[in-house]
Amino acid sequence: MWFPQTVEYALRALAVLARDEGAALSATELAERTSVPAPYLSKVMRRLVLAGIVTARRGHGGGFTLARRPEEVPIERVLVALDLATNDGHCAFGWSRCDEARPCPLHPLWGDLRARLAEWSQDHTLADALAGRSRPAPARPEQGPRRAARPEARPPAPKRGRRTEGA
């Protein structure tokens, strides 16, 4: 699963702020260091300020800083601040009602993905991202037989053409 661009931009900015913990970075400097367009980044940063993830100070020596230490900022908090709730019940087929009683064809897989994303985003912080570490995924319970893997691709059969005498 790939995050929406807004979430990616927020995570880039937060990673830079976390790496330079305590240093206030201007919107312009942050935009340059993250390769994010400044007007777009300003809107993203405003949402992070409103969520209490980032603080902003105006004036000389001002800029953006993390409101908490990187290990105290779970990724989930960033996702929620940017309206990417992992438990919103959104249906992959776009149905208005999709649940255990009336599941869409993708409901079991989509629900599993949402649950794993929720767990991962709760268990990982900005500090984990900076350290380049990921915690091992929990052991998966057996879910019954899976479909057999596709057979390996075979090389194409030689083309058959007409053979002419003397060729």
N, C-alpha and C. Protein backbone atom coordinates (compact mmCIF):
# COMPACT_ATOMS: atom_id res chain seq x y z
N MET A 1 0.85 -1.18 0.00
CA MET A 1 0.00 0.00 0.00
C MET A 1 0.89 1.23 0.00
N TRP A 2 0.55 2.17 -0.83
CA TRP A 2 1.28 3.42 -0.86
C TRP A 2 0.43 4.48 -0.22
N PHE A 3 1.07 5.37 0.50
CA PHE A 3 0.36 6.45 1.16
C PHE A 3 0.02 7.55 0.16
N PRO A 4 -1.04 8.29 0.42
CA PRO A 4 -1.31 9.46 -0.43
C PRO A 4 -0.15 10.45 -0.36
N GLN A 5 -0.05 11.29 -1.37
CA GLN A 5 1.07 12.23 -1.47
C GLN A 5 1.16 13.13 -0.24
N THR A 6 0.03 13.55 0.30
CA THR A 6 0.04 14.42 1.48
C THR A 6 0.73 13.74 2.65
N VAL A 7 0.46 12.46 2.85
CA VAL A 7 1.08 11.71 3.94
C VAL A 7 2.58 11.56 3.68
N GLU A 8 2.95 11.26 2.44
CA GLU A 8 4.37 11.14 2.10
C GLU A 8 5.11 12.43 2.39
N TYR A 9 4.53 13.55 1.98
CA TYR A 9 5.16 14.85 2.21
C TYR A 9 5.29 15.12 3.71
N ALA A 10 4.27 14.81 4.46
CA ALA A 10 4.31 15.02 5.91
C ALA A 10 5.42 14.17 6.54
N LEU A 11 5.51 12.93 6.12
CA LEU A 11 6.54 12.05 6.69
C LEU A 11 7.94 12.53 6.32
N ARG A 12 8.11 13.05 5.11
CA ARG A 12 9.41 13.60 4.73
C ARG A 12 9.78 14.77 5.65
N ALA A 13 8.83 15.68 5.82
CA ALA A 13 9.09 16.86 6.65
C ALA A 13 9.36 16.46 8.09
N LEU A 14 8.60 15.53 8.61
CA LEU A 14 8.80 15.08 9.99
C LEU A 14 10.14 14.38 10.16
N ALA A 15 10.55 13.64 9.15
CA ALA A 15 11.86 12.96 9.23
C ALA A 15 12.98 13.99 9.30
N VAL A 16 12.88 15.06 8.51
CA VAL A 16 13.90 16.10 8.54
C VAL A 16 13.89 16.79 9.90
N LEU A 17 12.71 17.12 10.41
CA LEU A 17 12.62 17.77 11.72
C LEU A 17 13.14 16.85 12.82
N ALA A 18 12.85 15.57 12.71
CA ALA A 18 13.30 14.62 13.73
C ALA A 18 14.83 14.47 13.69
N ARG A 19 15.39 14.46 12.50
CA ARG A 19 16.84 14.32 12.36
C ARG A 19 17.55 15.54 12.95
N ASP A 20 16.95 16.70 12.77
CA ASP A 20 17.52 17.95 13.30
C ASP A 20 16.78 18.36 14.57
N GLU A 21 16.50 17.40 15.41
CA GLU A 21 15.68 17.60 16.61
C GLU A 21 16.09 18.86 17.37
N GLY A 22 15.10 19.70 17.61
CA GLY A 22 15.33 20.92 18.36
C GLY A 22 15.60 22.13 17.50
N ALA A 23 16.08 21.94 16.28
CA ALA A 23 16.36 23.06 15.39
C ALA A 23 15.07 23.50 14.71
N ALA A 24 14.82 24.80 14.72
CA ALA A 24 13.65 25.34 14.03
C ALA A 24 14.01 25.55 12.57
N LEU A 25 13.20 24.99 11.70
CA LEU A 25 13.44 25.12 10.27
C LEU A 25 12.32 25.93 9.64
N SER A 26 12.70 26.89 8.81
CA SER A 26 11.69 27.71 8.13
C SER A 26 10.97 26.85 7.10
N ALA A 27 9.81 27.33 6.69
CA ALA A 27 9.03 26.60 5.68
C ALA A 27 9.82 26.47 4.39
N THR A 28 10.54 27.52 4.03
CA THR A 28 11.34 27.49 2.79
C THR A 28 12.45 26.45 2.88
N GLU A 29 13.16 26.45 4.00
CA GLU A 29 14.25 25.49 4.16
C GLU A 29 13.72 24.06 4.19
N LEU A 30 12.62 23.87 4.89
CA LEU A 30 12.01 22.54 4.97
C LEU A 30 11.55 22.08 3.59
N ALA A 31 10.97 22.98 2.81
CA ALA A 31 10.53 22.64 1.45
C ALA A 31 11.72 22.24 0.58
N GLU A 32 12.82 22.98 0.69
CA GLU A 32 14.02 22.65 -0.09
C GLU A 32 14.58 21.30 0.30
N ARG A 33 14.65 21.03 1.60
CA ARG A 33 15.27 19.79 2.08
C ARG A 33 14.41 18.55 1.85
N THR A 34 13.12 18.76 1.62
CA THR A 34 12.23 17.62 1.39
C THR A 34 11.80 17.48 -0.07
N SER A 35 12.18 18.45 -0.89
CA SER A 35 11.77 18.48 -2.31
C SER A 35 10.26 18.49 -2.45
N VAL A 36 9.61 19.25 -1.59
CA VAL A 36 8.16 19.38 -1.62
C VAL A 36 7.86 20.84 -1.98
N PRO A 37 6.91 21.09 -2.87
CA PRO A 37 6.56 22.47 -3.20
C PRO A 37 6.14 23.23 -1.93
N ALA A 38 6.71 24.41 -1.74
CA ALA A 38 6.49 25.19 -0.52
C ALA A 38 5.01 25.46 -0.22
N PRO A 39 4.19 25.85 -1.21
CA PRO A 39 2.78 26.11 -0.88
C PRO A 39 2.06 24.86 -0.36
N TYR A 40 2.37 23.73 -0.97
CA TYR A 40 1.75 22.47 -0.54
C TYR A 40 2.24 22.09 0.86
N LEU A 41 3.53 22.22 1.07
CA LEU A 41 4.10 21.86 2.36
C LEU A 41 3.53 22.75 3.47
N SER A 42 3.29 24.02 3.18
CA SER A 42 2.72 24.91 4.19
C SER A 42 1.36 24.41 4.67
N LYS A 43 0.55 23.93 3.76
CA LYS A 43 -0.77 23.39 4.12
C LYS A 43 -0.62 22.12 4.96
N VAL A 44 0.32 21.27 4.59
CA VAL A 44 0.57 20.03 5.33
C VAL A 44 1.05 20.36 6.74
N MET A 45 1.97 21.31 6.83
CA MET A 45 2.53 21.67 8.14
C MET A 45 1.46 22.28 9.04
N ARG A 46 0.55 23.04 8.47
CA ARG A 46 -0.53 23.62 9.27
C ARG A 46 -1.36 22.52 9.92
N ARG A 47 -1.64 21.47 9.18
CA ARG A 47 -2.42 20.36 9.73
C ARG A 47 -1.64 19.66 10.84
N LEU A 48 -0.32 19.55 10.67
CA LEU A 48 0.50 18.91 11.70
C LEU A 48 0.58 19.79 12.96
N VAL A 49 0.57 21.10 12.78
CA VAL A 49 0.55 22.01 13.93
C VAL A 49 -0.77 21.87 14.67
N LEU A 50 -1.88 21.86 13.93
CA LEU A 50 -3.20 21.74 14.55
C LEU A 50 -3.35 20.42 15.31
N ALA A 51 -2.65 19.39 14.85
CA ALA A 51 -2.71 18.07 15.51
C ALA A 51 -1.76 17.99 16.70
N GLY A 52 -0.94 19.02 16.90
CA GLY A 52 -0.01 19.01 18.03
C GLY A 52 1.24 18.18 17.80
N ILE A 53 1.52 17.86 16.55
CA ILE A 53 2.71 17.07 16.22
C ILE A 53 3.91 17.99 16.03
N VAL A 54 3.65 19.18 15.53
CA VAL A 54 4.68 20.16 15.22
C VAL A 54 4.30 21.49 15.87
N THR A 55 5.30 22.26 16.25
CA THR A 55 5.05 23.63 16.71
C THR A 55 5.60 24.59 15.67
N ALA A 56 5.00 25.76 15.62
CA ALA A 56 5.44 26.78 14.67
C ALA A 56 5.63 28.09 15.42
N ARG A 57 6.77 28.75 15.14
CA ARG A 57 7.05 30.07 15.71
C ARG A 57 7.32 31.03 14.57
N ARG A 58 6.74 32.20 14.68
CA ARG A 58 6.95 33.23 13.66
C ARG A 58 8.15 34.09 14.02
N GLY A 59 8.64 34.78 13.03
CA GLY A 59 9.68 35.77 13.27
C GLY A 59 11.09 35.22 13.16
N HIS A 60 12.03 36.12 13.51
CA HIS A 60 13.45 35.77 13.44
C HIS A 60 13.75 34.58 14.35
N GLY A 61 14.41 33.59 13.82
CA GLY A 61 14.74 32.38 14.58
C GLY A 61 13.57 31.43 14.72
N GLY A 62 12.47 31.75 14.07
CA GLY A 62 11.28 30.90 14.14
C GLY A 62 11.34 29.78 13.13
N GLY A 63 10.27 29.06 13.05
CA GLY A 63 10.18 27.95 12.11
C GLY A 63 9.42 26.81 12.74
N PHE A 64 9.56 25.66 12.15
CA PHE A 64 8.86 24.47 12.62
C PHE A 64 9.81 23.58 13.43
N THR A 65 9.29 23.01 14.50
CA THR A 65 10.01 22.01 15.29
C THR A 65 9.01 20.93 15.68
N LEU A 66 9.53 19.77 16.03
CA LEU A 66 8.66 18.71 16.55
C LEU A 66 8.15 19.14 17.92
N ALA A 67 6.90 18.84 18.20
CA ALA A 67 6.32 19.18 19.51
C ALA A 67 6.72 18.15 20.55
N ARG A 68 7.14 16.98 20.11
CA ARG A 68 7.56 15.89 21.01
C ARG A 68 8.82 15.24 20.45
N ARG A 69 9.44 14.44 21.26
CA ARG A 69 10.61 13.69 20.78
C ARG A 69 10.17 12.67 19.73
N PRO A 70 11.03 12.32 18.78
CA PRO A 70 10.64 11.40 17.70
C PRO A 70 10.07 10.06 18.21
N GLU A 71 10.60 9.55 19.30
CA GLU A 71 10.10 8.26 19.81
C GLU A 71 8.72 8.38 20.44
N GLU A 72 8.23 9.59 20.59
CA GLU A 72 6.90 9.82 21.17
C GLU A 72 5.85 10.17 20.11
N VAL A 73 6.24 10.04 18.84
CA VAL A 73 5.30 10.36 17.75
C VAL A 73 5.04 9.10 16.93
N PRO A 74 3.96 8.39 17.26
CA PRO A 74 3.64 7.22 16.45
C PRO A 74 3.17 7.63 15.05
N ILE A 75 3.48 6.82 14.08
CA ILE A 75 3.08 7.09 12.69
C ILE A 75 1.56 7.23 12.62
N GLU A 76 0.85 6.48 13.43
CA GLU A 76 -0.62 6.55 13.43
C GLU A 76 -1.10 7.98 13.67
N ARG A 77 -0.44 8.68 14.54
CA ARG A 77 -0.86 10.05 14.85
C ARG A 77 -0.74 10.94 13.62
N VAL A 78 0.28 10.71 12.82
CA VAL A 78 0.46 11.46 11.59
C VAL A 78 -0.66 11.12 10.60
N LEU A 79 -0.96 9.83 10.47
CA LEU A 79 -2.01 9.40 9.54
C LEU A 79 -3.36 10.01 9.92
N VAL A 80 -3.67 9.99 11.19
CA VAL A 80 -4.94 10.55 11.66
C VAL A 80 -4.99 12.06 11.42
N ALA A 81 -3.88 12.74 11.65
CA ALA A 81 -3.82 14.19 11.45
C ALA A 81 -4.11 14.56 9.99
N LEU A 82 -3.80 13.64 9.09
CA LEU A 82 -3.98 13.90 7.67
C LEU A 82 -5.19 13.15 7.11
N ASP A 83 -6.09 12.77 8.01
CA ASP A 83 -7.36 12.13 7.65
C ASP A 83 -7.22 10.79 6.96
N LEU A 84 -6.16 10.06 7.28
CA LEU A 84 -6.01 8.71 6.75
C LEU A 84 -6.24 7.75 7.91
N ALA A 85 -7.48 7.57 8.26
CA ALA A 85 -7.82 6.67 9.35
C ALA A 85 -7.73 5.24 8.85
N THR A 86 -7.10 4.39 9.64
CA THR A 86 -6.94 3.00 9.22
C THR A 86 -8.15 2.14 9.58
N ASN A 87 -9.06 2.70 10.36
CA ASN A 87 -10.23 1.92 10.79
C ASN A 87 -11.52 2.60 10.36
N ASP A 88 -11.50 3.28 9.22
CA ASP A 88 -12.67 4.06 8.80
C ASP A 88 -13.76 3.23 8.16
N GLY A 89 -13.53 1.95 7.92
CA GLY A 89 -14.55 1.09 7.33
C GLY A 89 -14.74 1.34 5.83
N HIS A 90 -13.83 2.07 5.22
CA HIS A 90 -13.91 2.35 3.79
C HIS A 90 -13.94 1.04 3.01
N CYS A 91 -14.84 0.97 2.05
CA CYS A 91 -14.97 -0.23 1.23
C CYS A 91 -14.12 -0.10 -0.03
N ALA A 92 -13.36 -1.13 -0.34
CA ALA A 92 -12.50 -1.11 -1.53
C ALA A 92 -13.32 -1.01 -2.81
N PHE A 93 -14.57 -1.45 -2.79
CA PHE A 93 -15.46 -1.38 -3.95
C PHE A 93 -16.27 -0.09 -3.98
N GLY A 94 -16.17 0.70 -2.90
CA GLY A 94 -16.91 1.95 -2.83
C GLY A 94 -18.36 1.78 -2.41
N TRP A 95 -18.70 0.61 -1.88
CA TRP A 95 -20.07 0.38 -1.44
C TRP A 95 -20.34 1.24 -0.21
N SER A 96 -21.57 1.70 -0.09
CA SER A 96 -21.92 2.51 1.08
C SER A 96 -21.95 1.66 2.34
N ARG A 97 -22.28 0.40 2.20
CA ARG A 97 -22.29 -0.49 3.35
C ARG A 97 -21.56 -1.78 3.00
N CYS A 98 -20.49 -2.02 3.71
CA CYS A 98 -19.68 -3.22 3.50
C CYS A 98 -19.22 -3.66 4.88
N ASP A 99 -19.69 -4.81 5.32
CA ASP A 99 -19.31 -5.30 6.64
C ASP A 99 -19.33 -6.81 6.62
N GLU A 100 -19.18 -7.41 7.79
CA GLU A 100 -19.14 -8.88 7.87
C GLU A 100 -20.44 -9.50 7.36
N ALA A 101 -21.56 -8.82 7.60
CA ALA A 101 -22.86 -9.36 7.18
C ALA A 101 -23.07 -9.23 5.67
N ARG A 102 -22.57 -8.14 5.08
CA ARG A 102 -22.71 -7.90 3.64
C ARG A 102 -21.36 -7.49 3.07
N PRO A 103 -20.43 -8.43 2.95
CA PRO A 103 -19.07 -8.08 2.49
C PRO A 103 -18.99 -7.92 0.98
N CYS A 104 -18.12 -7.01 0.57
CA CYS A 104 -17.80 -6.91 -0.85
C CYS A 104 -16.80 -8.03 -1.16
N PRO A 105 -16.51 -8.27 -2.42
CA PRO A 105 -15.57 -9.35 -2.76
C PRO A 105 -14.18 -9.19 -2.14
N LEU A 106 -13.75 -7.96 -1.86
CA LEU A 106 -12.42 -7.75 -1.30
C LEU A 106 -12.44 -7.54 0.21
N HIS A 107 -13.59 -7.63 0.84
CA HIS A 107 -13.72 -7.29 2.26
C HIS A 107 -12.71 -8.02 3.16
N PRO A 108 -12.54 -9.33 3.06
CA PRO A 108 -11.59 -9.99 3.96
C PRO A 108 -10.15 -9.50 3.77
N LEU A 109 -9.71 -9.34 2.53
CA LEU A 109 -8.34 -8.88 2.28
C LEU A 109 -8.17 -7.42 2.68
N TRP A 110 -9.14 -6.59 2.34
CA TRP A 110 -9.08 -5.16 2.66
C TRP A 110 -9.08 -4.96 4.17
N GLY A 111 -9.93 -5.71 4.85
CA GLY A 111 -9.98 -5.61 6.31
C GLY A 111 -8.67 -6.03 6.95
N ASP A 112 -8.07 -7.08 6.43
CA ASP A 112 -6.78 -7.54 6.94
C ASP A 112 -5.70 -6.49 6.72
N LEU A 113 -5.69 -5.89 5.55
CA LEU A 113 -4.71 -4.85 5.24
C LEU A 113 -4.89 -3.65 6.18
N ARG A 114 -6.13 -3.23 6.37
CA ARG A 114 -6.39 -2.10 7.28
C ARG A 114 -5.94 -2.42 8.69
N ALA A 115 -6.20 -3.64 9.15
CA ALA A 115 -5.81 -4.03 10.52
C ALA A 115 -4.29 -4.04 10.66
N ARG A 116 -3.61 -4.54 9.66
CA ARG A 116 -2.14 -4.57 9.71
C ARG A 116 -1.53 -3.17 9.65
N LEU A 117 -2.12 -2.31 8.83
CA LEU A 117 -1.63 -0.94 8.76
C LEU A 117 -1.86 -0.23 10.09
N ALA A 118 -3.02 -0.46 10.70
CA ALA A 118 -3.30 0.15 12.00
C ALA A 118 -2.29 -0.32 13.04
N GLU A 119 -2.04 -1.61 13.08
CA GLU A 119 -1.08 -2.15 14.05
C GLU A 119 0.33 -1.62 13.79
N TRP A 120 0.73 -1.61 12.52
CA TRP A 120 2.07 -1.12 12.17
C TRP A 120 2.21 0.34 12.54
N SER A 121 1.22 1.16 12.22
CA SER A 121 1.33 2.60 12.47
C SER A 121 1.29 2.92 13.96
N GLN A 122 0.68 2.06 14.76
CA GLN A 122 0.68 2.25 16.21
C GLN A 122 2.02 1.83 16.82
N ASP A 123 2.64 0.84 16.23
CA ASP A 123 3.87 0.27 16.77
C ASP A 123 5.14 0.98 16.31
N HIS A 124 5.06 1.85 15.32
CA HIS A 124 6.24 2.51 14.78
C HIS A 124 6.17 4.02 14.99
N THR A 125 7.32 4.60 15.26
CA THR A 125 7.41 6.03 15.53
C THR A 125 8.36 6.69 14.53
N LEU A 126 8.44 8.00 14.63
CA LEU A 126 9.41 8.72 13.79
C LEU A 126 10.83 8.26 14.10
N ALA A 127 11.09 7.92 15.35
CA ALA A 127 12.43 7.44 15.72
C ALA A 127 12.76 6.14 14.98
N ASP A 128 11.79 5.26 14.81
CA ASP A 128 12.02 4.02 14.07
C ASP A 128 12.37 4.33 12.62
N ALA A 129 11.67 5.30 12.05
CA ALA A 129 11.95 5.67 10.66
C ALA A 129 13.36 6.23 10.52
N LEU A 130 13.77 7.05 11.46
CA LEU A 130 15.12 7.63 11.41
C LEU A 130 16.20 6.58 11.56
N ALA A 131 15.94 5.61 12.42
CA ALA A 131 16.93 4.57 12.67
C ALA A 131 16.93 3.52 11.56
N GLY A 132 15.96 3.62 10.65
CA GLY A 132 15.89 2.65 9.57
C GLY A 132 15.54 1.26 10.06
N ARG A 133 14.77 1.22 11.13
CA ARG A 133 14.42 -0.10 11.66
C ARG A 133 12.92 -0.32 11.58
N SER A 134 12.60 -1.56 11.49
CA SER A 134 11.21 -1.97 11.49
C SER A 134 11.10 -3.13 12.46
N ARG A 135 10.05 -3.13 13.18
CA ARG A 135 9.85 -4.24 14.11
C ARG A 135 9.28 -5.42 13.35
N PRO A 136 9.65 -6.64 13.76
CA PRO A 136 9.14 -7.80 13.03
C PRO A 136 7.63 -7.89 13.14
N ALA A 137 7.03 -8.34 12.05
CA ALA A 137 5.58 -8.52 12.04
C ALA A 137 5.22 -9.69 12.95
N PRO A 138 4.08 -9.61 13.62
CA PRO A 138 3.67 -10.71 14.47
C PRO A 138 3.40 -11.95 13.63
N ALA A 139 3.55 -13.10 14.26
CA ALA A 139 3.30 -14.36 13.56
C ALA A 139 1.86 -14.40 13.10
N ARG A 140 1.65 -14.84 11.88
CA ARG A 140 0.30 -14.92 11.33
C ARG A 140 -0.31 -16.26 11.66
N PRO A 141 -1.56 -16.26 12.09
CA PRO A 141 -2.21 -17.55 12.31
C PRO A 141 -2.44 -18.24 10.97
N GLU A 142 -2.45 -19.54 11.00
CA GLU A 142 -2.69 -20.29 9.77
C GLU A 142 -4.09 -19.97 9.27
N GLN A 143 -4.21 -19.74 7.98
CA GLN A 143 -5.49 -19.35 7.42
C GLN A 143 -6.00 -20.38 6.41
N GLY A 144 -5.59 -21.58 6.55
CA GLY A 144 -6.06 -22.60 5.64
C GLY A 144 -5.20 -22.67 4.39
N PRO A 145 -5.55 -23.56 3.48
CA PRO A 145 -4.73 -23.74 2.28
C PRO A 145 -4.80 -22.52 1.37
N ARG A 146 -3.68 -22.22 0.82
CA ARG A 146 -3.60 -21.14 -0.17
C ARG A 146 -3.56 -21.77 -1.55
N ARG A 147 -3.86 -20.95 -2.52
CA ARG A 147 -3.76 -21.44 -3.90
C ARG A 147 -2.32 -21.78 -4.23
N ALA A 148 -2.17 -22.77 -5.04
CA ALA A 148 -0.82 -23.15 -5.46
C ALA A 148 -0.21 -22.02 -6.28
N ALA A 149 1.07 -21.91 -6.19
CA ALA A 149 1.78 -20.88 -6.94
C ALA A 149 1.66 -21.16 -8.43
N ARG A 150 1.72 -20.12 -9.20
CA ARG A 150 1.66 -20.30 -10.65
C ARG A 150 2.90 -21.04 -11.11
N PRO A 151 2.74 -21.89 -12.10
CA PRO A 151 3.94 -22.57 -12.62
C PRO A 151 4.87 -21.55 -13.25
N GLU A 152 6.13 -21.86 -13.24
CA GLU A 152 7.12 -20.95 -13.82
C GLU A 152 6.82 -20.76 -15.30
N ALA A 153 7.12 -19.58 -15.76
CA ALA A 153 6.88 -19.28 -17.16
C ALA A 153 7.79 -20.14 -18.03
N ARG A 154 7.23 -20.62 -19.08
CA ARG A 154 8.01 -21.44 -20.01
C ARG A 154 8.50 -20.55 -21.14
N PRO A 155 9.65 -20.89 -21.69
CA PRO A 155 10.11 -20.10 -22.85
C PRO A 155 9.15 -20.32 -24.01
N PRO A 156 9.02 -19.32 -24.88
CA PRO A 156 8.10 -19.48 -26.00
C PRO A 156 8.53 -20.63 -26.91
N ALA A 157 7.53 -21.30 -27.44
CA ALA A 157 7.80 -22.41 -28.35
C ALA A 157 8.40 -21.85 -29.64
N PRO A 158 9.30 -22.61 -30.26
CA PRO A 158 9.88 -22.11 -31.51
C PRO A 158 8.80 -21.93 -32.56
N LYS A 159 8.96 -20.90 -33.39
CA LYS A 159 7.98 -20.65 -34.44
C LYS A 159 8.09 -21.72 -35.50
N ARG A 160 6.94 -22.14 -35.92
CA ARG A 160 6.93 -23.15 -36.97
C ARG A 160 6.59 -22.47 -38.28
N GLY A 161 7.40 -22.67 -39.21
CA GLY A 161 7.18 -22.11 -40.53
C GLY A 161 7.33 -23.19 -41.57
N ARG A 162 7.06 -22.82 -42.77
CA ARG A 162 7.22 -23.80 -43.85
C ARG A 162 8.69 -23.97 -44.16
N ARG A 163 9.06 -25.17 -44.31
CA ARG A 163 10.44 -25.44 -44.73
C ARG A 163 10.44 -25.66 -46.22
N THR A 164 11.39 -25.10 -46.84
CA THR A 164 11.49 -25.29 -48.29
C THR A 164 12.68 -26.17 -48.57
N GLU A 165 12.60 -26.85 -49.63
CA GLU A 165 13.68 -27.73 -50.05
C GLU A 165 14.94 -26.91 -50.28
N GLY A 166 16.03 -27.42 -49.86
CA GLY A 166 17.32 -26.80 -50.10
C GLY A 166 17.64 -25.68 -49.13
N ALA A 167 16.80 -25.43 -48.23
CA ALA A 167 17.07 -24.34 -47.29
C ALA A 167 17.78 -24.83 -46.09
